[in-house]
Amino acid sequence: MKLFFRDNLALIIVNIAQMIAVLSIYIMDGYRNYLTALYSLFIGICLLTAYLFYRYFTHKDFYKRLSNPVHKLDEVNEMLGFSPLPEALTHLLKSQHTQYMNELHLQERKRNDHLTFINQWVHQMKTPLSVIQLITQEEDDERFTSIQEEVDKIGKGLDMVLYAARLETFEHDFQVGPVNLRKIAEQAVSENKRLFIKNRVYPEIQIDPNIFVDSDEKWLMFTLNQLITNAVKYSAGKSQKIFIQGSQRCIEVRDNGIGIPKSDIKRVFNPFYTGENGRRYRESTGMGLYLVKEICDRIGHDIEVESEVGKGTTVKITFLTKM
């Protein structure tokens, strides 16, 4: 109703002004039959009122739809009325909706093709990496050790690309079940053993072997690998330990490294944000903790960071939901 009056306010004002102007001309010309003049004014108002009633009832659905938000895209295909203006707007919205859906399906197909390409490319790259690892493991030479370390970096980078791509189809790529927390921590440490040795950092696992939590083993392993990699990287050369502690409720990775400035803590989960430490360590991409946060949110876990510059960082994943 408010939209109807706003739309027709100018028409009402113009009609009233027109009637007053016509009466004024007759009065100034010497016409003094006021009853006839008032009767003419009354007839004009009745005609205007009748037109407004007609327009309101023929455009009622039109104004109602414009006043209320659209909750479903299919609602734009419903007829807004049978007057020329509502019909024209309905046809326009249908045309735009069809064009939008076609563009959406096109982009969806391109996105799926891109994800398929990324998955295939990562798996193709992992094959030569595996061959290189097998070759270098058989050689006892510092140069081959360095090659193994670089191969590990490439492997971790490929895993990050693969998991980032899989986030798009996360709902189809996770399976929740009981996960042995000690076992998964030991596996993560084993996968990063060359990283520990190179940086002279030593892991200490403090988790009861009988603790099981409800999570997705593959995605939890990826998040734990990311946290361990960060902890080792920012503790390098200090001959320090990193502690992996766990309980039925949470798992945390604690280091005694350089720590994170307070100004950066609130933004460490933002994509591509490297912060002050990222400028010191050029290899930082700003994607590790972002992916960890995204994965935890989708699985139903909470994650928090506590840190103090010069004393270290603790990242804790809390298993909030019982799945």
Protein backbone atom coordinates (compact mmCIF):
# COMPACT_ATOMS: atom_id res chain seq x y z
CA MET A 1 0.00 0.00 0.00
CA LYS A 2 2.81 2.44 0.86
CA LEU A 3 4.55 1.73 -2.44
CA PHE A 4 1.26 2.32 -4.30
CA PHE A 5 0.78 5.76 -2.74
CA ARG A 6 4.41 6.68 -3.33
CA ASP A 7 4.10 5.67 -6.97
CA ASN A 8 0.88 7.64 -7.53
CA LEU A 9 1.57 10.64 -5.31
CA ALA A 10 2.73 12.77 -8.23
CA LEU A 11 -0.45 11.89 -10.20
CA ILE A 12 -2.67 12.89 -7.24
CA ILE A 13 -0.85 16.20 -6.76
CA VAL A 14 -0.98 17.05 -10.47
CA ASN A 15 -4.72 16.29 -10.72
CA ILE A 16 -5.56 18.36 -7.65
CA ALA A 17 -3.39 21.23 -8.91
CA GLN A 18 -5.08 21.00 -12.31
CA MET A 19 -8.56 21.20 -10.81
CA ILE A 20 -7.62 24.16 -8.63
CA ALA A 21 -6.03 25.93 -11.61
CA VAL A 22 -9.17 25.48 -13.75
CA LEU A 23 -11.43 26.80 -10.97
CA SER A 24 -9.11 29.76 -10.41
CA ILE A 25 -9.31 30.69 -14.11
CA TYR A 26 -13.11 30.65 -14.04
CA ILE A 27 -13.23 32.70 -10.81
CA MET A 28 -10.81 35.31 -12.19
CA ASP A 29 -12.95 35.52 -15.34
CA GLY A 30 -15.94 36.58 -13.24
CA TYR A 31 -17.72 33.26 -12.84
CA ARG A 32 -19.44 33.30 -9.42
CA ASN A 33 -21.53 30.09 -9.32
CA TYR A 34 -19.59 28.45 -6.48
CA LEU A 35 -21.91 25.47 -6.00
CA THR A 36 -21.41 24.39 -9.60
CA ALA A 37 -17.68 24.89 -9.21
CA LEU A 38 -17.58 22.78 -6.05
CA TYR A 39 -19.71 20.13 -7.72
CA SER A 40 -17.24 20.01 -10.64
CA LEU A 41 -14.40 19.69 -8.16
CA PHE A 42 -16.25 16.86 -6.39
CA ILE A 43 -16.78 15.04 -9.72
CA GLY A 44 -13.08 15.37 -10.52
CA ILE A 45 -12.08 13.96 -7.14
CA CYS A 46 -14.51 11.03 -7.55
CA LEU A 47 -13.07 10.21 -10.98
CA LEU A 48 -9.53 10.39 -9.62
CA THR A 49 -10.47 8.17 -6.67
CA ALA A 50 -12.17 5.65 -8.96
CA TYR A 51 -9.07 5.50 -11.16
CA LEU A 52 -6.81 5.02 -8.14
CA PHE A 53 -9.00 2.17 -6.86
CA TYR A 54 -8.96 0.54 -10.29
CA ARG A 55 -5.20 0.87 -10.57
CA TYR A 56 -4.64 -0.47 -7.05
CA PHE A 57 -6.73 -3.62 -7.53
CA THR A 58 -5.27 -4.35 -10.98
CA HIS A 59 -1.69 -3.81 -9.75
CA LYS A 60 -2.07 -5.11 -6.19
CA ASP A 61 0.06 -8.24 -6.74
CA PHE A 62 2.61 -6.15 -8.58
CA TYR A 63 3.08 -3.71 -5.70
CA LYS A 64 3.00 -6.52 -3.15
CA ARG A 65 5.79 -8.38 -4.91
CA LEU A 66 7.93 -5.25 -5.21
CA SER A 67 7.48 -4.55 -1.49
CA ASN A 68 8.58 -8.03 -0.33
CA PRO A 69 12.02 -9.61 -0.81
CA VAL A 70 12.45 -12.64 -3.06
CA HIS A 71 13.22 -15.79 -1.05
CA LYS A 72 13.58 -18.20 -3.98
CA LEU A 73 14.84 -17.60 -7.50
CA ASP A 74 11.83 -19.40 -8.94
CA GLU A 75 9.54 -16.70 -7.55
CA VAL A 76 10.60 -14.34 -10.33
CA ASN A 77 8.79 -16.60 -12.81
CA GLU A 78 5.41 -16.00 -11.17
CA MET A 79 3.07 -13.54 -12.89
CA LEU A 80 2.98 -10.13 -11.25
CA GLY A 81 -0.35 -9.18 -12.82
CA PHE A 82 -2.13 -8.92 -16.15
CA SER A 83 -1.79 -5.20 -16.79
CA PRO A 84 0.75 -4.08 -19.41
CA LEU A 85 3.42 -2.92 -16.93
CA PRO A 86 3.38 -6.02 -14.63
CA GLU A 87 3.31 -8.33 -17.66
CA ALA A 88 6.28 -6.55 -19.24
CA LEU A 89 8.23 -6.71 -15.98
CA THR A 90 7.38 -10.41 -15.55
CA HIS A 91 8.68 -11.23 -19.04
CA LEU A 92 11.83 -9.22 -18.37
CA LEU A 93 12.49 -11.01 -15.08
CA LYS A 94 11.90 -14.40 -16.70
CA SER A 95 14.35 -13.54 -19.44
CA GLN A 96 16.97 -12.36 -16.94
CA HIS A 97 16.41 -15.44 -14.76
CA THR A 98 16.91 -17.76 -17.74
CA GLN A 99 20.07 -15.92 -18.75
CA TYR A 100 21.34 -16.00 -15.16
CA MET A 101 20.72 -19.76 -14.81
CA ASN A 102 22.45 -20.46 -18.12
CA GLU A 103 25.46 -18.42 -17.02
CA LEU A 104 25.44 -20.13 -13.62
CA HIS A 105 25.44 -23.60 -15.22
CA LEU A 106 28.25 -22.53 -17.55
CA GLN A 107 30.38 -21.29 -14.65
CA GLU A 108 29.57 -24.44 -12.66
CA ARG A 109 30.76 -26.60 -15.54
CA LYS A 110 33.96 -24.55 -15.90
CA ARG A 111 34.59 -24.82 -12.16
CA ASN A 112 34.10 -28.60 -12.21
CA ASP A 113 36.41 -28.90 -15.23
CA HIS A 114 39.02 -26.82 -13.41
CA LEU A 115 38.77 -28.96 -10.25
CA THR A 116 39.08 -32.12 -12.32
CA PHE A 117 42.16 -30.71 -14.05
CA ILE A 118 43.75 -29.70 -10.73
CA ASN A 119 43.15 -33.16 -9.23
CA GLN A 120 44.58 -34.93 -12.26
CA TRP A 121 47.55 -32.58 -12.47
CA VAL A 122 48.45 -33.01 -8.79
CA HIS A 123 48.30 -36.79 -9.05
CA GLN A 124 50.42 -36.71 -12.21
CA MET A 125 53.02 -34.57 -10.45
CA LYS A 126 53.12 -36.91 -7.46
CA THR A 127 54.23 -39.84 -9.62
CA PRO A 128 57.60 -38.33 -10.68
CA LEU A 129 58.09 -37.05 -7.12
CA SER A 130 57.71 -40.60 -5.81
CA VAL A 131 60.27 -41.80 -8.34
CA ILE A 132 62.72 -39.07 -7.30
CA GLN A 133 62.26 -40.01 -3.64
CA LEU A 134 62.99 -43.66 -4.37
CA ILE A 135 66.14 -42.78 -6.31
CA THR A 136 67.50 -40.34 -3.72
CA GLN A 137 66.80 -42.69 -0.79
CA GLU A 138 69.27 -45.18 -2.21
CA GLU A 139 72.10 -42.63 -2.28
CA ASP A 140 74.10 -41.60 0.77
CA ASP A 141 75.07 -38.12 -0.31
CA GLU A 142 74.34 -34.67 1.11
CA ARG A 143 73.25 -33.46 -2.31
CA PHE A 144 70.62 -36.17 -2.51
CA THR A 145 69.50 -35.32 1.02
CA SER A 146 68.93 -31.74 -0.10
CA ILE A 147 66.98 -33.02 -3.10
CA GLN A 148 64.78 -35.10 -0.77
CA GLU A 149 64.08 -32.01 1.34
CA GLU A 150 63.06 -30.01 -1.71
CA VAL A 151 60.92 -32.89 -2.94
CA ASP A 152 59.15 -32.87 0.43
CA LYS A 153 58.43 -29.17 0.02
CA ILE A 154 57.00 -29.75 -3.44
CA GLY A 155 54.89 -32.62 -2.10
CA LYS A 156 53.47 -30.44 0.66
CA GLY A 157 52.73 -27.69 -1.85
CA LEU A 158 50.89 -30.14 -4.09
CA ASP A 159 48.89 -31.40 -1.12
CA MET A 160 47.89 -27.85 -0.28
CA VAL A 161 46.73 -27.24 -3.85
CA LEU A 162 44.80 -30.51 -3.85
CA TYR A 163 43.07 -29.91 -0.52
CA ALA A 164 42.27 -26.29 -1.42
CA ALA A 165 40.58 -27.53 -4.60
CA ARG A 166 38.69 -30.25 -2.71
CA LEU A 167 37.20 -27.67 -0.35
CA GLU A 168 34.84 -26.78 -3.21
CA THR A 169 33.32 -30.26 -2.98
CA PHE A 170 33.95 -30.84 0.72
CA GLU A 171 30.53 -32.34 1.40
CA HIS A 172 31.27 -35.20 -1.01
CA ASP A 173 34.80 -35.82 0.21
CA PHE A 174 34.69 -36.38 3.95
CA GLN A 175 33.73 -39.26 6.18
CA VAL A 176 33.41 -38.89 9.94
CA GLY A 177 34.37 -41.76 12.20
CA PRO A 178 36.43 -42.64 15.28
CA VAL A 179 40.05 -41.52 14.92
CA ASN A 180 42.90 -42.65 17.18
CA LEU A 181 44.49 -39.35 18.19
CA ARG A 182 47.86 -40.84 19.16
CA LYS A 183 48.14 -42.79 15.93
CA ILE A 184 47.36 -39.82 13.71
CA ALA A 185 49.86 -37.64 15.62
CA GLU A 186 52.60 -40.25 15.19
CA GLN A 187 51.83 -40.51 11.50
CA ALA A 188 52.04 -36.75 11.07
CA VAL A 189 55.39 -36.67 12.88
CA SER A 190 56.68 -39.52 10.70
CA GLU A 191 55.70 -37.70 7.50
CA ASN A 192 57.66 -34.64 8.67
CA LYS A 193 60.74 -36.41 10.05
CA ARG A 194 63.14 -34.87 7.52
CA LEU A 195 61.73 -31.44 8.35
CA PHE A 196 62.41 -32.02 12.06
CA ILE A 197 65.97 -33.20 11.40
CA LYS A 198 66.85 -30.37 9.05
CA ASN A 199 65.59 -27.67 11.44
CA ARG A 200 66.95 -29.35 14.61
CA VAL A 201 63.52 -29.41 16.20
CA TYR A 202 62.29 -32.43 18.11
CA PRO A 203 58.69 -33.59 18.56
CA GLU A 204 57.20 -34.80 21.80
CA ILE A 205 53.78 -36.48 21.67
CA GLN A 206 51.75 -36.39 24.88
CA ILE A 207 48.59 -38.29 23.95
CA ASP A 208 47.07 -41.39 25.52
CA PRO A 209 47.03 -44.27 22.96
CA ASN A 210 43.43 -45.10 23.88
CA ILE A 211 41.92 -41.74 23.01
CA PHE A 212 39.52 -41.73 20.06
CA VAL A 213 37.71 -38.68 18.69
CA ASP A 214 35.02 -38.25 16.07
CA SER A 215 36.50 -36.59 13.00
CA ASP A 216 37.58 -37.18 9.42
CA GLU A 217 40.99 -38.85 9.51
CA LYS A 218 42.21 -37.55 6.14
CA TRP A 219 41.25 -33.92 6.73
CA LEU A 220 42.43 -33.98 10.36
CA MET A 221 45.77 -35.36 9.19
CA PHE A 222 46.14 -32.50 6.73
CA THR A 223 45.37 -29.88 9.39
CA LEU A 224 47.81 -31.48 11.83
CA ASN A 225 50.53 -31.54 9.15
CA GLN A 226 50.01 -27.84 8.53
CA LEU A 227 50.25 -27.00 12.23
CA ILE A 228 53.39 -29.09 12.66
CA THR A 229 55.01 -27.53 9.58
CA ASN A 230 54.36 -24.04 10.95
CA ALA A 231 55.60 -24.96 14.42
CA VAL A 232 58.85 -26.39 13.04
CA LYS A 233 59.42 -23.55 10.59
CA TYR A 234 59.11 -20.86 13.25
CA SER A 235 61.25 -22.80 15.75
CA ALA A 236 64.08 -23.63 13.34
CA GLY A 237 67.65 -23.60 14.61
CA LYS A 238 66.75 -23.30 18.29
CA SER A 239 67.14 -26.99 19.18
CA GLN A 240 63.73 -26.75 20.75
CA LYS A 241 60.90 -29.20 21.11
CA ILE A 242 57.39 -28.93 19.81
CA PHE A 243 54.69 -30.57 21.88
CA ILE A 244 51.66 -32.36 20.47
CA GLN A 245 49.17 -32.81 23.28
CA GLY A 246 45.72 -34.31 23.09
CA SER A 247 42.68 -35.32 25.08
CA GLN A 248 39.18 -36.53 24.41
CA ARG A 249 38.18 -32.93 23.87
CA CYS A 250 41.03 -31.34 21.91
CA ILE A 251 44.46 -31.59 20.32
CA GLU A 252 47.04 -28.83 20.37
CA VAL A 253 50.43 -28.14 18.84
CA ARG A 254 52.72 -25.98 20.98
CA ASP A 255 56.13 -24.60 20.08
CA ASN A 256 58.72 -22.35 21.71
CA GLY A 257 59.48 -20.40 18.56
CA ILE A 258 59.39 -16.76 17.61
CA GLY A 259 55.68 -16.28 18.33
CA ILE A 260 53.11 -14.15 16.56
CA PRO A 261 52.68 -10.40 17.16
CA LYS A 262 49.35 -9.46 18.78
CA SER A 263 48.44 -7.32 15.79
CA ASP A 264 48.59 -10.41 13.54
CA ILE A 265 46.77 -13.00 15.67
CA LYS A 266 43.26 -11.91 14.64
CA ARG A 267 44.20 -12.12 10.96
CA VAL A 268 46.23 -15.33 10.77
CA PHE A 269 43.22 -17.23 9.40
CA ASN A 270 42.70 -14.78 6.53
CA PRO A 271 43.65 -16.13 3.09
CA PHE A 272 47.08 -15.03 1.80
CA TYR A 273 47.80 -13.09 4.99
CA THR A 274 51.43 -13.67 6.01
CA GLY A 275 51.89 -10.93 8.58
CA GLU A 276 55.18 -9.78 10.09
CA ASN A 277 56.62 -13.30 10.29
CA GLY A 278 55.72 -13.92 6.65
CA ARG A 279 57.95 -11.04 5.61
CA ARG A 280 60.83 -12.66 7.49
CA TYR A 281 60.16 -16.14 6.12
CA ARG A 282 59.71 -15.74 2.37
CA GLU A 283 58.28 -19.26 1.93
CA SER A 284 55.07 -18.34 3.74
CA THR A 285 51.99 -18.39 1.49
CA GLY A 286 49.36 -17.32 4.01
CA MET A 287 47.17 -20.26 2.98
CA GLY A 288 48.08 -22.92 5.58
CA LEU A 289 46.11 -21.61 8.56
CA TYR A 290 43.33 -20.39 6.29
CA LEU A 291 42.79 -23.94 5.00
CA VAL A 292 43.02 -25.32 8.53
CA LYS A 293 40.30 -22.89 9.70
CA GLU A 294 38.07 -23.70 6.73
CA ILE A 295 38.42 -27.45 7.31
CA CYS A 296 37.73 -27.16 11.04
CA ASP A 297 34.63 -25.04 10.41
CA ARG A 298 33.25 -27.56 7.94
CA ILE A 299 33.94 -30.61 10.09
CA GLY A 300 32.51 -28.91 13.16
CA HIS A 301 35.69 -28.29 15.16
CA ASP A 302 36.82 -25.07 16.78
CA ILE A 303 40.33 -23.66 16.44
CA GLU A 304 42.12 -20.97 18.40
CA VAL A 305 45.61 -19.50 18.52
CA GLU A 306 47.52 -18.24 21.56
CA SER A 307 50.93 -16.71 21.08
CA GLU A 308 53.53 -14.44 22.64
CA VAL A 309 56.42 -12.95 20.75
CA GLY A 310 59.68 -14.67 21.66
CA LYS A 311 58.00 -17.39 23.72
CA GLY A 312 56.07 -19.48 21.23
CA THR A 313 52.65 -20.33 19.85
CA THR A 314 49.91 -22.78 20.74
CA VAL A 315 47.24 -23.80 18.24
CA LYS A 316 44.36 -25.81 19.68
CA ILE A 317 41.67 -27.72 17.80
CA THR A 318 38.61 -28.45 19.93
CA PHE A 319 36.25 -31.25 18.95
CA LEU A 320 33.04 -29.42 19.68
CA THR A 321 30.47 -31.63 18.02
CA LYS A 322 29.71 -35.26 18.64
CA MET A 323 29.18 -36.71 15.17
